[in-house]
Structure formats: structure tokens, C-alpha cells
Amino acid sequence: MSNRLTCDVVVVGAGMVGAACALYAARAGLTTLLVDRGPVAGGTTGAGEGNLLVSDKEPGPELDLALLSRRLWGELAAEPGMAGAVEFEAKGGVVVASRPEGMAALETFAVGQRAAGVDARTIAPDELPDLEPHLAPGLAGGVLYPQDCQVMPSLAAAHVVRAARRAGAELRTGTAVTDILRAKDGSVLGVRTERGDIHAPVVVNAAGTWGGELAALAGVRLPVLPRRGFVLVTEPLPRRVVRHKVYAADYVADVASGDAGLQSSAVVEGTDAGPVLIGASRERVSFDRQFSLPVVRRLAAQATALFPVLGTVHVMRAYLGFRPYLPDHLPAIGPDPRVPGLHHACGHEGAGIGLAVGTGHLIAQTLTGRTPELDLAPFRPDRFPEEAA
């Protein structure tokens, strides 16, 4: 292998977002190289649940991106062999409220979403058992979101990478990027890796939680921070014990919170293999990988409050990951005006699986000189004050 490789685009990070960027860039006719210091899906992607959600997003840029991505995920899943390979399931989401005032707030939230194009259907209390027979009794109602979907994240990333390679992209794993090469005028010339230099006029930062570190190699600040989250995996259960992705209304507030402390609200869903997945916690503890029994117990208690049937079910394992968080809860997508040739596609927090394909699609549009399907101004990577902590 040569120590020097010339291509049109280097995508750094082989998680779901990087895989999607490589796929759409290659399909747009750009010679593309995808690099990662570890394996495909070795970071945040491999520790996720595979959520493709519109239900938890208020009207605005992120919801617009989620709706674009949902359409593109549907198109990908329709490609031969893809749906089964990535375990794509249009299971729908059900958001429930325990009290009337919570239901009123949930319905107000849904009204705004409907105006933005979301299919959100109000469910009366006596209709909930038809959707989820094992839900706790006495809930005040809910909203059904048929557009919410699921994939198995590691499989999805692997198969999207395979699709990118079929389109002509190259993959190089086990290759850490140690510097971003720049010309005298500051523009990108490529990347330096442990295995040699890769020359390209465009570098896409899809490094997820480490996106700030990669940006720093180019001399710019991108304040990506890790938010730790745990997921519980139960023993296998009959397939229809939990039929949708189900969570309490306060999950939406947890997603939007910038608090560094612990937030948790149960998100419960079944899988094709039988185990039930239970998330989701959020806390800013840097890259502390220490197991937290209090967090796991709290998630389990919240899950059994929603589904009492889970009270006698064993948890087989718990795992954790770090979501790439930016202070305003929007990812950085598009060209960085501070460094010509540097593009960012990171900071999606816990929504990266769902937003990945829309992000990759938009990045490819910018790289080929087309007008992006969405306005990228809200996602500008230079929108954060340089002096901010």
C-alpha cells in the first residue's frame, strides 16, 4: 500500500454518520476514502439503540432533518436485501402521559409537530391497551407516531459501508488520523495517519464524540462533549410483549436538557431477537466508563412503571456509550468557513443513527455544488462563540 493516496474526499469516522457520508459521496461520483482508528461502528454507533425518531423532536431544523432522514431510510430499506440486513422495522412510537396535565402538554407538542409534517395520532386512555396490552393501567393517554422506526445500529453501519464500497468508496480501519494537512492559505490538503498521508481537497469530520478533537487538528474549535448513556438488555421475551417504541413524555425534556447532571426516562422496545431494550440515561461525566448501578436501577424502575410485566424479567447485560453533544443540541453539518475544504458531520447526540442518512445526503450535495435540500445555516459549525467554555 502506498503511503500517499489521492482522492476527492476523506471521511473520518466509520460510525453510522461517516458511513452515510461515504455512501452518498460515492454515489455522487466522488472518489471517497472512509477511515477510522478502530473498526466500523466501534464508537457511539455500536453502543446505541438504533432509533430513527421523529416523535421526540420539536418543530425546527432537527425535525426537518429527521423527516428528510426518515424518507431516505425508507428508500435505503427498499433496496434489495437491505431491510432485513439492517433489521429495519417501522414499528412506530408511542409516547404516554401519566397525568392529564402531561397529556395536555403532549398534545400541544404534537399539534406543532403535525404542522411540520409529522404523523402524530392522539390515543385515548381506553385505546392504549389495543396498542400495548402490557402497559401499566391508569395512564392519561398518549400519542402514536407511525413514522418512528428502528434499525440494528452496528449492522446498519456495516451494510451502509458495504453499499458505499459497492459505489466505489474505500475503507481503511485501524488507521488513526494524527493531523489535518493544510496549505499555506489554510485550505485542506488531506490527513496524516499512522499509515501515511492521504491527500484530498476535502475532509469530512464524522468523528462523533471525538469531533472536537479532529476539528482542533485543523485549528478550529467545535465544542463537542460526551454525554454518557446506559442501555439495559433483558432476557428474550415473546415478540409481542412490547410492540412499539414506548416512552414517557418527560423523555423529550431530557433530550433537550443541557444539564450536566443525570437525566433518565425509560424508553422501552422489543427486538426481533426477543430481548427488550431499555434506555435512556444522559449525564455529562466526560469519558468515564465506570458502571453505575444507581443509573441502571433507576432505568429498570422506570421501565417497570411503564410495563409492570417486566418486573419479573431478568436483565442479561447493560452497556454504555457516549453521545456527541453540542451546547444547542443541533449537530454541526456542512462546510467550515474557517478552514476551506473542512466539512463537519458530527454532534448528533443520541439521534445520530436516525439523522445519519439525511446528514450524508446534505454533505454530498454541498460537496458537488448542489443546493442542499435543507438550509444548513442552523447547523453551521462556526456558530459557537470562540470564548465559550
Protein backbone atom coordinates (compact mmCIF):
# COMPACT_ATOMS: atom_id res chain seq x y z
CA MET A 1 0.00 0.00 0.00
CA SER A 2 1.30 3.41 -0.92
CA ASN A 3 1.99 5.96 1.78
CA ARG A 4 0.27 8.57 -0.39
CA LEU A 5 -3.27 8.27 -1.66
CA THR A 6 -5.17 10.83 -3.66
CA CYS A 7 -8.95 11.00 -3.61
CA ASP A 8 -11.71 13.59 -3.67
CA VAL A 9 -12.97 13.17 -0.11
CA VAL A 10 -11.64 11.69 3.13
CA VAL A 11 -14.39 10.88 5.64
CA VAL A 12 -13.01 10.46 9.16
CA GLY A 13 -15.12 8.20 11.35
CA ALA A 14 -16.75 4.90 10.36
CA GLY A 15 -19.80 5.12 12.58
CA MET A 16 -23.27 5.47 11.13
CA VAL A 17 -22.85 9.14 10.18
CA GLY A 18 -19.48 8.60 8.50
CA ALA A 19 -20.81 5.54 6.69
CA ALA A 20 -23.71 7.59 5.32
CA CYS A 21 -21.40 10.42 4.26
CA ALA A 22 -19.21 7.94 2.40
CA LEU A 23 -22.22 6.30 0.75
CA TYR A 24 -23.77 9.47 -0.62
CA ALA A 25 -20.43 10.98 -1.61
CA ALA A 26 -19.51 7.85 -3.55
CA ARG A 27 -22.93 7.67 -5.17
CA ALA A 28 -22.47 11.30 -6.22
CA GLY A 29 -19.39 10.26 -8.18
CA LEU A 30 -16.69 11.41 -5.75
CA THR A 31 -13.70 9.18 -5.07
CA THR A 32 -14.10 8.61 -1.36
CA LEU A 33 -12.00 7.10 1.41
CA LEU A 34 -13.52 6.27 4.80
CA VAL A 35 -11.02 5.99 7.66
CA ASP A 36 -11.34 5.11 11.33
CA ARG A 37 -8.84 4.42 14.08
CA GLY A 38 -10.95 1.43 15.13
CA PRO A 39 -13.46 -0.85 13.39
CA VAL A 40 -16.72 0.09 11.71
CA ALA A 41 -19.25 1.14 14.38
CA GLY A 42 -16.61 0.91 17.07
CA GLY A 43 -17.69 4.08 18.91
CA THR A 44 -21.07 5.60 19.71
CA THR A 45 -22.86 3.72 16.92
CA GLY A 46 -22.07 0.33 18.42
CA ALA A 47 -23.45 1.42 21.80
CA GLY A 48 -26.75 2.79 20.53
CA GLU A 49 -30.30 1.52 20.23
CA GLY A 50 -30.82 2.28 16.55
CA ASN A 51 -33.52 4.90 16.98
CA LEU A 52 -34.99 6.56 13.89
CA LEU A 53 -37.26 9.01 15.67
CA VAL A 54 -39.38 11.99 14.76
CA SER A 55 -41.51 11.77 17.91
CA ASP A 56 -39.01 13.42 20.26
CA LYS A 57 -38.22 16.48 18.12
CA GLU A 58 -39.99 19.82 18.26
CA PRO A 59 -40.59 21.80 15.05
CA GLY A 60 -37.36 23.27 13.76
CA PRO A 61 -34.12 22.32 12.00
CA GLU A 62 -33.61 18.97 13.75
CA LEU A 63 -37.14 17.79 13.00
CA ASP A 64 -36.72 18.86 9.37
CA LEU A 65 -33.54 16.79 9.23
CA ALA A 66 -35.29 13.85 10.93
CA LEU A 67 -38.11 13.91 8.38
CA LEU A 68 -35.61 14.03 5.50
CA SER A 69 -33.68 11.16 7.04
CA ARG A 70 -36.82 9.14 7.62
CA ARG A 71 -37.63 9.39 3.92
CA LEU A 72 -34.09 8.39 2.96
CA TRP A 73 -34.05 5.49 5.43
CA GLY A 74 -37.23 4.25 3.77
CA GLU A 75 -35.52 4.43 0.38
CA LEU A 76 -32.45 2.58 1.66
CA ALA A 77 -34.58 -0.09 3.29
CA ALA A 78 -36.35 -0.63 -0.05
CA GLU A 79 -33.06 -1.52 -1.76
CA PRO A 80 -32.65 -5.27 -2.39
CA GLY A 81 -31.74 -7.14 0.78
CA MET A 82 -31.22 -4.02 2.88
CA ALA A 83 -34.26 -4.02 5.19
CA GLY A 84 -33.62 -7.48 6.60
CA ALA A 85 -29.88 -6.99 6.72
CA VAL A 86 -30.10 -3.90 8.94
CA GLU A 87 -33.21 -5.12 10.84
CA PHE A 88 -35.21 -2.11 9.68
CA GLU A 89 -38.58 -2.10 11.39
CA ALA A 90 -41.28 0.55 11.01
CA LYS A 91 -42.65 -0.29 14.45
CA GLY A 92 -43.88 3.19 15.33
CA GLY A 93 -43.53 5.01 18.63
CA VAL A 94 -45.98 5.55 21.45
CA VAL A 95 -45.42 8.42 23.87
CA VAL A 96 -47.55 8.18 27.01
CA ALA A 97 -48.56 10.57 29.78
CA SER A 98 -49.35 9.52 33.32
CA ARG A 99 -51.45 12.56 34.29
CA PRO A 100 -53.99 14.79 32.47
CA GLU A 101 -51.72 17.83 32.59
CA GLY A 102 -48.95 15.78 31.00
CA MET A 103 -51.32 14.62 28.31
CA ALA A 104 -52.32 18.22 27.58
CA ALA A 105 -48.66 19.17 27.15
CA LEU A 106 -48.07 16.13 24.96
CA GLU A 107 -50.99 17.05 22.71
CA THR A 108 -49.79 20.65 22.43
CA PHE A 109 -46.36 19.34 21.40
CA ALA A 110 -47.99 17.05 18.82
CA VAL A 111 -50.03 19.92 17.31
CA GLY A 112 -46.81 21.73 16.39
CA GLN A 113 -45.30 18.55 15.00
CA ARG A 114 -48.34 17.89 12.80
CA ALA A 115 -47.98 21.36 11.31
CA ALA A 116 -44.38 20.43 10.42
CA GLY A 117 -45.40 17.22 8.64
CA VAL A 118 -45.30 14.61 11.39
CA ASP A 119 -47.96 11.90 11.59
CA ALA A 120 -48.98 12.18 15.26
CA ARG A 121 -52.20 10.48 16.36
CA THR A 122 -53.79 11.16 19.75
CA ILE A 123 -54.63 7.97 21.66
CA ALA A 124 -57.30 7.98 24.35
CA PRO A 125 -56.63 6.11 27.62
CA ASP A 126 -59.01 3.28 26.74
CA GLU A 127 -57.27 2.82 23.37
CA LEU A 128 -53.78 2.30 24.80
CA PRO A 129 -54.29 -1.42 25.61
CA ASP A 130 -55.07 -2.06 21.94
CA LEU A 131 -51.62 -0.74 21.05
CA GLU A 132 -49.70 -2.06 24.05
CA PRO A 133 -51.60 -4.68 26.09
CA HIS A 134 -48.96 -4.81 28.83
CA LEU A 135 -48.78 -1.07 29.56
CA ALA A 136 -49.48 -0.01 33.13
CA PRO A 137 -53.13 0.82 33.78
CA GLY A 138 -54.35 4.31 34.65
CA LEU A 139 -52.34 6.29 32.10
CA ALA A 140 -53.88 9.54 30.84
CA GLY A 141 -53.36 8.76 27.16
CA GLY A 142 -50.68 9.03 24.55
CA VAL A 143 -49.67 9.90 21.01
CA LEU A 144 -48.86 7.33 18.33
CA TYR A 145 -46.05 8.17 15.87
CA PRO A 146 -46.18 5.71 12.96
CA GLN A 147 -43.05 7.23 11.38
CA ASP A 148 -40.75 6.14 14.22
CA CYS A 149 -38.56 3.24 13.12
CA GLN A 150 -35.70 1.06 14.27
CA VAL A 151 -32.52 -0.47 12.89
CA MET A 152 -29.80 -2.58 14.48
CA PRO A 153 -27.09 0.13 14.55
CA SER A 154 -23.92 -1.91 14.09
CA LEU A 155 -25.46 -3.93 11.28
CA ALA A 156 -26.81 -0.76 9.69
CA ALA A 157 -23.42 0.92 9.70
CA ALA A 158 -21.73 -2.19 8.30
CA HIS A 159 -24.21 -2.57 5.46
CA VAL A 160 -24.16 1.12 4.59
CA VAL A 161 -20.36 0.88 4.41
CA ARG A 162 -20.74 -2.13 2.11
CA ALA A 163 -23.11 -0.14 -0.08
CA ALA A 164 -20.59 2.71 -0.15
CA ARG A 165 -17.84 0.31 -1.22
CA ARG A 166 -20.06 -1.06 -3.98
CA ALA A 167 -20.39 2.55 -5.14
CA GLY A 168 -16.59 2.86 -5.26
CA ALA A 169 -15.61 4.08 -1.78
CA GLU A 170 -12.62 2.63 0.00
CA LEU A 171 -12.46 1.70 3.68
CA ARG A 172 -9.41 1.85 5.90
CA THR A 173 -9.94 0.79 9.52
CA GLY A 174 -7.32 0.65 12.26
CA THR A 175 -5.95 3.92 10.91
CA ALA A 176 -5.81 6.86 13.30
CA VAL A 177 -5.77 10.37 11.86
CA THR A 178 -3.00 12.29 13.60
CA ASP A 179 -3.19 15.61 11.75
CA ILE A 180 -5.08 17.51 9.07
CA LEU A 181 -2.80 18.64 6.26
CA ARG A 182 -3.24 22.25 5.19
CA ALA A 183 -1.80 24.55 2.55
CA LYS A 184 -0.20 27.90 3.32
CA ASP A 185 -3.56 29.61 2.78
CA GLY A 186 -5.12 27.30 5.39
CA SER A 187 -7.11 25.13 3.00
CA VAL A 188 -7.28 21.38 3.45
CA LEU A 189 -4.80 19.15 1.66
CA GLY A 190 -5.75 15.87 3.31
CA VAL A 191 -4.94 13.98 6.50
CA ARG A 192 -1.89 12.46 8.11
CA THR A 193 -2.37 8.98 9.54
CA GLU A 194 -0.25 6.43 11.31
CA ARG A 195 -0.05 4.62 7.98
CA GLY A 196 0.87 7.55 5.78
CA ASP A 197 -0.60 10.71 4.31
CA ILE A 198 -3.88 10.74 2.39
CA HIS A 199 -4.17 13.68 0.03
CA ALA A 200 -7.60 15.13 -0.70
CA PRO A 201 -9.07 18.62 -1.03
CA VAL A 202 -11.95 17.75 1.31
CA VAL A 203 -12.03 16.23 4.79
CA VAL A 204 -15.36 15.36 6.41
CA ASN A 205 -15.29 15.29 10.20
CA ALA A 206 -17.63 12.44 11.15
CA ALA A 207 -15.68 11.57 14.29
CA GLY A 208 -18.70 11.71 16.59
CA THR A 209 -17.81 12.29 20.21
CA TRP A 210 -14.23 12.95 19.15
CA GLY A 211 -15.29 15.52 16.54
CA GLY A 212 -13.93 18.37 18.64
CA GLU A 213 -10.51 16.75 18.75
CA LEU A 214 -10.46 16.32 14.98
CA ALA A 215 -11.56 19.93 14.46
CA ALA A 216 -8.72 21.05 16.72
CA LEU A 217 -6.24 19.37 14.38
CA ALA A 218 -7.40 21.89 11.77
CA GLY A 219 -7.03 24.76 14.24
CA VAL A 220 -10.75 25.36 14.86
CA ARG A 221 -13.00 24.96 17.86
CA LEU A 222 -16.05 22.70 17.83
CA PRO A 223 -17.35 22.22 21.39
CA VAL A 224 -18.41 18.56 21.19
CA LEU A 225 -18.87 16.99 24.62
CA PRO A 226 -19.68 13.39 25.58
CA ARG A 227 -22.95 12.51 27.34
CA ARG A 228 -22.86 9.03 28.85
CA GLY A 229 -25.88 6.81 28.46
CA PHE A 230 -26.77 3.28 29.58
CA VAL A 231 -28.94 0.68 27.86
CA LEU A 232 -30.30 -2.47 29.53
CA VAL A 233 -30.90 -5.71 27.62
CA THR A 234 -33.37 -8.23 29.05
CA GLU A 235 -33.62 -11.95 28.56
CA PRO A 236 -35.55 -12.94 25.40
CA LEU A 237 -39.31 -12.45 25.66
CA PRO A 238 -42.24 -13.29 23.38
CA ARG A 239 -42.15 -11.00 20.37
CA ARG A 240 -45.30 -9.00 21.13
CA VAL A 241 -44.77 -8.18 24.81
CA VAL A 242 -43.64 -4.68 23.73
CA ARG A 243 -44.93 -3.84 20.27
CA HIS A 244 -43.73 -0.26 19.69
CA LYS A 245 -41.01 2.02 20.92
CA VAL A 246 -42.66 3.29 24.11
CA TYR A 247 -41.56 6.11 26.36
CA ALA A 248 -42.95 8.61 28.83
CA ALA A 249 -43.47 12.23 27.82
CA ASP A 250 -40.65 13.50 30.05
CA TYR A 251 -38.09 11.83 27.75
CA VAL A 252 -38.47 14.76 25.35
CA ALA A 253 -37.46 17.19 28.09
CA ASP A 254 -34.44 15.04 28.96
CA VAL A 255 -33.26 15.10 25.34
CA ALA A 256 -33.49 18.90 25.24
CA SER A 257 -31.84 19.45 28.62
CA GLY A 258 -28.37 20.92 28.81
CA ASP A 259 -27.97 19.95 32.46
CA ALA A 260 -24.72 18.14 33.17
CA GLY A 261 -26.42 16.01 35.83
CA LEU A 262 -28.23 12.74 35.36
CA GLN A 263 -31.49 12.65 33.45
CA SER A 264 -33.25 9.37 32.81
CA SER A 265 -36.63 8.35 31.45
CA ALA A 266 -37.41 4.87 30.25
CA VAL A 267 -37.56 4.10 26.54
CA VAL A 268 -38.75 0.52 26.13
CA GLU A 269 -38.87 -1.56 22.96
CA GLY A 270 -38.84 -5.15 21.84
CA THR A 271 -36.47 -6.61 19.27
CA ASP A 272 -36.77 -9.31 16.61
CA ALA A 273 -34.41 -11.50 18.61
CA GLY A 274 -36.61 -11.32 21.73
CA PRO A 275 -34.74 -9.19 24.28
CA VAL A 276 -36.28 -5.89 25.32
CA LEU A 277 -34.04 -2.81 25.20
CA ILE A 278 -34.39 -0.23 27.97
CA GLY A 279 -32.83 3.24 27.80
CA ALA A 280 -32.20 6.07 28.20
CA SER A 281 -29.98 7.96 30.60
CA ARG A 282 -27.94 11.09 29.97
CA GLU A 283 -25.17 12.60 32.04
CA ARG A 284 -22.02 14.59 31.32
CA VAL A 285 -19.21 12.73 33.06
CA SER A 286 -16.52 13.12 30.37
CA PHE A 287 -15.39 9.67 29.12
CA ASP A 288 -15.92 7.87 32.42
CA ARG A 289 -16.75 4.27 31.51
CA GLN A 290 -17.46 3.18 35.07
CA PHE A 291 -20.60 1.10 35.54
CA SER A 292 -23.26 2.92 37.55
CA LEU A 293 -25.63 0.65 39.46
CA PRO A 294 -27.84 3.57 40.60
CA VAL A 295 -28.44 4.63 37.00
CA VAL A 296 -29.25 1.08 35.92
CA ARG A 297 -31.62 0.60 38.84
CA ARG A 298 -33.34 3.87 38.04
CA LEU A 299 -33.88 2.87 34.42
CA ALA A 300 -35.20 -0.53 35.48
CA ALA A 301 -37.64 1.06 37.93
CA GLN A 302 -38.90 3.49 35.28
CA ALA A 303 -39.33 0.66 32.76
CA THR A 304 -41.33 -1.49 35.16
CA ALA A 305 -43.51 1.53 36.00
CA LEU A 306 -44.45 1.63 32.31
CA PHE A 307 -44.59 -2.14 31.84
CA PRO A 308 -45.22 -4.00 35.13
CA VAL A 309 -44.76 -7.30 33.30
CA LEU A 310 -41.01 -6.52 33.20
CA GLY A 311 -40.81 -6.68 37.00
CA THR A 312 -40.02 -10.41 36.93
CA VAL A 313 -37.79 -10.31 33.84
CA HIS A 314 -34.03 -10.70 34.16
CA VAL A 315 -31.59 -8.17 32.71
CA MET A 316 -28.86 -10.07 30.84
CA ARG A 317 -26.49 -7.17 30.42
CA ALA A 318 -26.10 -3.41 30.37
CA TYR A 319 -23.87 -1.36 28.12
CA LEU A 320 -22.93 2.28 27.85
CA GLY A 321 -21.89 4.74 25.19
CA PHE A 322 -21.08 8.41 24.76
CA ARG A 323 -23.36 10.63 22.73
CA PRO A 324 -21.68 13.56 20.95
CA TYR A 325 -23.37 16.61 22.43
CA LEU A 326 -23.20 20.23 21.23
CA PRO A 327 -24.47 23.02 23.52
CA ASP A 328 -27.52 23.93 21.41
CA HIS A 329 -28.48 20.28 20.72
CA LEU A 330 -28.01 20.63 16.96
CA PRO A 331 -25.31 18.82 15.01
CA ALA A 332 -22.61 20.57 13.02
CA ILE A 333 -23.25 19.88 9.33
CA GLY A 334 -21.59 21.41 6.31
CA PRO A 335 -18.51 23.40 5.33
CA ASP A 336 -16.44 25.18 7.93
CA PRO A 337 -15.84 28.74 6.67
CA ARG A 338 -12.75 28.95 8.87
CA VAL A 339 -10.93 26.16 7.01
CA PRO A 340 -11.66 25.77 3.28
CA GLY A 341 -12.20 22.11 2.48
CA LEU A 342 -13.14 21.06 6.02
CA HIS A 343 -16.71 19.82 6.42
CA HIS A 344 -18.36 18.65 9.62
CA ALA A 345 -20.94 15.94 10.19
CA CYS A 346 -20.94 15.36 13.93
CA GLY A 347 -22.60 16.33 17.21
CA HIS A 348 -25.89 14.48 16.66
CA GLU A 349 -26.06 13.40 20.31
CA GLY A 350 -28.42 10.41 20.69
CA ALA A 351 -30.07 10.91 17.30
CA GLY A 352 -27.12 10.05 15.08
CA ILE A 353 -28.47 6.78 13.72
CA GLY A 354 -31.72 8.39 12.69
CA LEU A 355 -30.18 11.59 11.31
CA ALA A 356 -27.19 9.98 9.61
CA VAL A 357 -28.56 9.42 6.13
CA GLY A 358 -30.00 12.91 5.88
CA THR A 359 -26.66 14.28 7.02
CA GLY A 360 -24.74 12.24 4.45
CA HIS A 361 -27.15 13.31 1.72
CA LEU A 362 -26.71 17.00 2.59
CA ILE A 363 -22.92 16.70 2.80
CA ALA A 364 -22.81 15.10 -0.66
CA GLN A 365 -24.97 17.89 -2.05
CA THR A 366 -22.60 20.55 -0.71
CA LEU A 367 -19.55 18.68 -1.99
CA THR A 368 -20.95 18.51 -5.51
CA GLY A 369 -22.04 22.13 -5.66
CA ARG A 370 -25.76 21.48 -5.43
CA THR A 371 -28.10 23.50 -3.25
CA PRO A 372 -28.68 21.47 -0.06
CA GLU A 373 -32.21 20.19 0.38
CA LEU A 374 -32.31 21.84 3.81
CA ASP A 375 -30.96 25.21 4.92
CA LEU A 376 -27.66 24.44 6.64
CA ALA A 377 -27.43 27.79 8.45
CA PRO A 378 -28.73 26.39 11.79
CA PHE A 379 -26.05 23.68 11.62
CA ARG A 380 -23.10 25.99 10.89
CA PRO A 381 -20.01 24.67 12.64
CA ASP A 382 -18.75 28.18 13.43
CA ARG A 383 -21.91 29.24 15.27
CA PHE A 384 -20.39 28.84 18.73
CA PRO A 385 -18.55 31.78 20.36
CA GLU A 386 -14.83 31.14 20.43
CA GLU A 387 -14.63 32.17 24.09
CA ALA A 388 -17.43 29.81 25.24
CA ALA A 389 -16.49 27.10 27.67
